[in-house]
Amino acid sequence: MTTERVIRVIAEHLEVEESTLNENTTFAELGVDSLDAVEIMMELEDEFGIEIKAEEAGKSVKELSDYISAKTEE
């Protein structure tokens, strides 16, 4: 469930089809720059009601999803 929500937020922000993303997609593959990263993290913080530390969020959809899942279980 978390992965699907993360993919939805990223896809909406980058204006790409959700079907083009999967858990192995990296932010580098998507061409995410530092501004995009900050904006996506802010959107995800609102979506999940948590604070996300960019340096701990990982480099792929799966790493970010796992990080968010761990934070929401605390």
C-alpha atoms as a PDB file:
ATOM      1  CA  MET A   1       0.000   0.000   0.000  1.00  0.00           C
ATOM      2  CA  THR A   2       2.785   2.436   0.899  1.00  0.00           C
ATOM      3  CA  THR A   3       4.588   1.788  -2.381  1.00  0.00           C
ATOM      4  CA  GLU A   4       1.456   2.511  -4.396  1.00  0.00           C
ATOM      5  CA  ARG A   5       0.914   5.798  -2.561  1.00  0.00           C
ATOM      6  CA  VAL A   6       4.562   6.803  -3.050  1.00  0.00           C
ATOM      7  CA  ILE A   7       4.346   5.984  -6.758  1.00  0.00           C
ATOM      8  CA  ARG A   8       1.133   8.011  -7.083  1.00  0.00           C
ATOM      9  CA  VAL A   9       2.682  11.103  -5.467  1.00  0.00           C
ATOM     10  CA  ILE A  10       5.872  10.864  -7.544  1.00  0.00           C
ATOM     11  CA  ALA A  11       3.958  10.276 -10.780  1.00  0.00           C
ATOM     12  CA  GLU A  12       1.636  13.215 -10.132  1.00  0.00           C
ATOM     13  CA  HIS A  13       4.540  15.517  -9.291  1.00  0.00           C
ATOM     14  CA  LEU A  14       6.608  14.524 -12.322  1.00  0.00           C
ATOM     15  CA  GLU A  15       3.533  14.306 -14.555  1.00  0.00           C
ATOM     16  CA  VAL A  16       4.284  10.765 -15.703  1.00  0.00           C
ATOM     17  CA  GLU A  17       2.103   7.670 -15.853  1.00  0.00           C
ATOM     18  CA  GLU A  18       2.105   5.602 -12.672  1.00  0.00           C
ATOM     19  CA  SER A  19       2.548   2.494 -14.823  1.00  0.00           C
ATOM     20  CA  THR A  20       6.035   3.705 -15.812  1.00  0.00           C
ATOM     21  CA  LEU A  21       7.187   3.459 -12.184  1.00  0.00           C
ATOM     22  CA  ASN A  22       7.854   0.446 -10.003  1.00  0.00           C
ATOM     23  CA  GLU A  23       9.614  -0.193  -6.708  1.00  0.00           C
ATOM     24  CA  ASN A  24      12.990  -0.569  -8.440  1.00  0.00           C
ATOM     25  CA  THR A  25      12.761   2.824 -10.160  1.00  0.00           C
ATOM     26  CA  THR A  26      15.492   5.166  -8.967  1.00  0.00           C
ATOM     27  CA  PHE A  27      15.212   8.908  -8.673  1.00  0.00           C
ATOM     28  CA  ALA A  28      18.240   9.256 -10.967  1.00  0.00           C
ATOM     29  CA  GLU A  29      16.383   7.328 -13.688  1.00  0.00           C
ATOM     30  CA  LEU A  30      13.512   9.772 -13.331  1.00  0.00           C
ATOM     31  CA  GLY A  31      15.801  12.775 -13.627  1.00  0.00           C
ATOM     32  CA  VAL A  32      14.728  14.083 -10.219  1.00  0.00           C
ATOM     33  CA  ASP A  33      16.725  17.205  -9.371  1.00  0.00           C
ATOM     34  CA  SER A  34      17.170  18.673  -5.898  1.00  0.00           C
ATOM     35  CA  LEU A  35      14.116  20.942  -6.194  1.00  0.00           C
ATOM     36  CA  ASP A  36      11.923  18.043  -7.341  1.00  0.00           C
ATOM     37  CA  ALA A  37      13.257  15.929  -4.477  1.00  0.00           C
ATOM     38  CA  VAL A  38      12.386  18.563  -1.878  1.00  0.00           C
ATOM     39  CA  GLU A  39       8.909  19.087  -3.316  1.00  0.00           C
ATOM     40  CA  ILE A  40       8.218  15.346  -3.527  1.00  0.00           C
ATOM     41  CA  MET A  41       9.393  14.854   0.067  1.00  0.00           C
ATOM     42  CA  MET A  42       7.097  17.674   1.235  1.00  0.00           C
ATOM     43  CA  GLU A  43       4.158  16.113  -0.601  1.00  0.00           C
ATOM     44  CA  LEU A  44       4.932  12.722   0.938  1.00  0.00           C
ATOM     45  CA  GLU A  45       5.222  14.268   4.403  1.00  0.00           C
ATOM     46  CA  ASP A  46       1.703  15.659   3.949  1.00  0.00           C
ATOM     47  CA  GLU A  47       0.431  12.370   2.518  1.00  0.00           C
ATOM     48  CA  PHE A  48       1.754  10.256   5.390  1.00  0.00           C
ATOM     49  CA  GLY A  49       1.837  12.774   8.237  1.00  0.00           C
ATOM     50  CA  ILE A  50       5.520  12.217   8.997  1.00  0.00           C
ATOM     51  CA  GLU A  51       8.813  14.062   8.687  1.00  0.00           C
ATOM     52  CA  ILE A  52      11.137  12.688   6.021  1.00  0.00           C
ATOM     53  CA  LYS A  53      14.890  13.216   6.258  1.00  0.00           C
ATOM     54  CA  ALA A  54      16.143  13.354   2.684  1.00  0.00           C
ATOM     55  CA  GLU A  55      19.494  11.821   3.562  1.00  0.00           C
ATOM     56  CA  GLU A  56      17.700   8.753   4.961  1.00  0.00           C
ATOM     57  CA  ALA A  57      15.028   8.391   2.276  1.00  0.00           C
ATOM     58  CA  GLY A  58      17.077   6.269  -0.127  1.00  0.00           C
ATOM     59  CA  LYS A  59      17.626   6.372  -3.853  1.00  0.00           C
ATOM     60  CA  SER A  60      14.727   4.262  -5.142  1.00  0.00           C
ATOM     61  CA  VAL A  61      10.989   3.963  -4.759  1.00  0.00           C
ATOM     62  CA  LYS A  62      11.445   0.788  -2.678  1.00  0.00           C
ATOM     63  CA  GLU A  63      13.983   2.376  -0.324  1.00  0.00           C
ATOM     64  CA  LEU A  64      11.730   5.407   0.145  1.00  0.00           C
ATOM     65  CA  SER A  65       8.650   3.217   0.677  1.00  0.00           C
ATOM     66  CA  ASP A  66      10.483   1.071   3.237  1.00  0.00           C
ATOM     67  CA  TYR A  67      11.664   4.211   5.051  1.00  0.00           C
ATOM     68  CA  ILE A  68       8.122   5.625   5.162  1.00  0.00           C
ATOM     69  CA  SER A  69       6.675   2.292   6.321  1.00  0.00           C
ATOM     70  CA  ALA A  70       9.181   2.161   9.186  1.00  0.00           C
ATOM     71  CA  LYS A  71       8.416   5.765  10.185  1.00  0.00           C
ATOM     72  CA  THR A  72       4.647   5.253  10.147  1.00  0.00           C
ATOM     73  CA  GLU A  73       4.952   2.175  12.388  1.00  0.00           C
ATOM     74  CA  GLU A  74       6.786   4.125  15.123  1.00  0.00           C
END
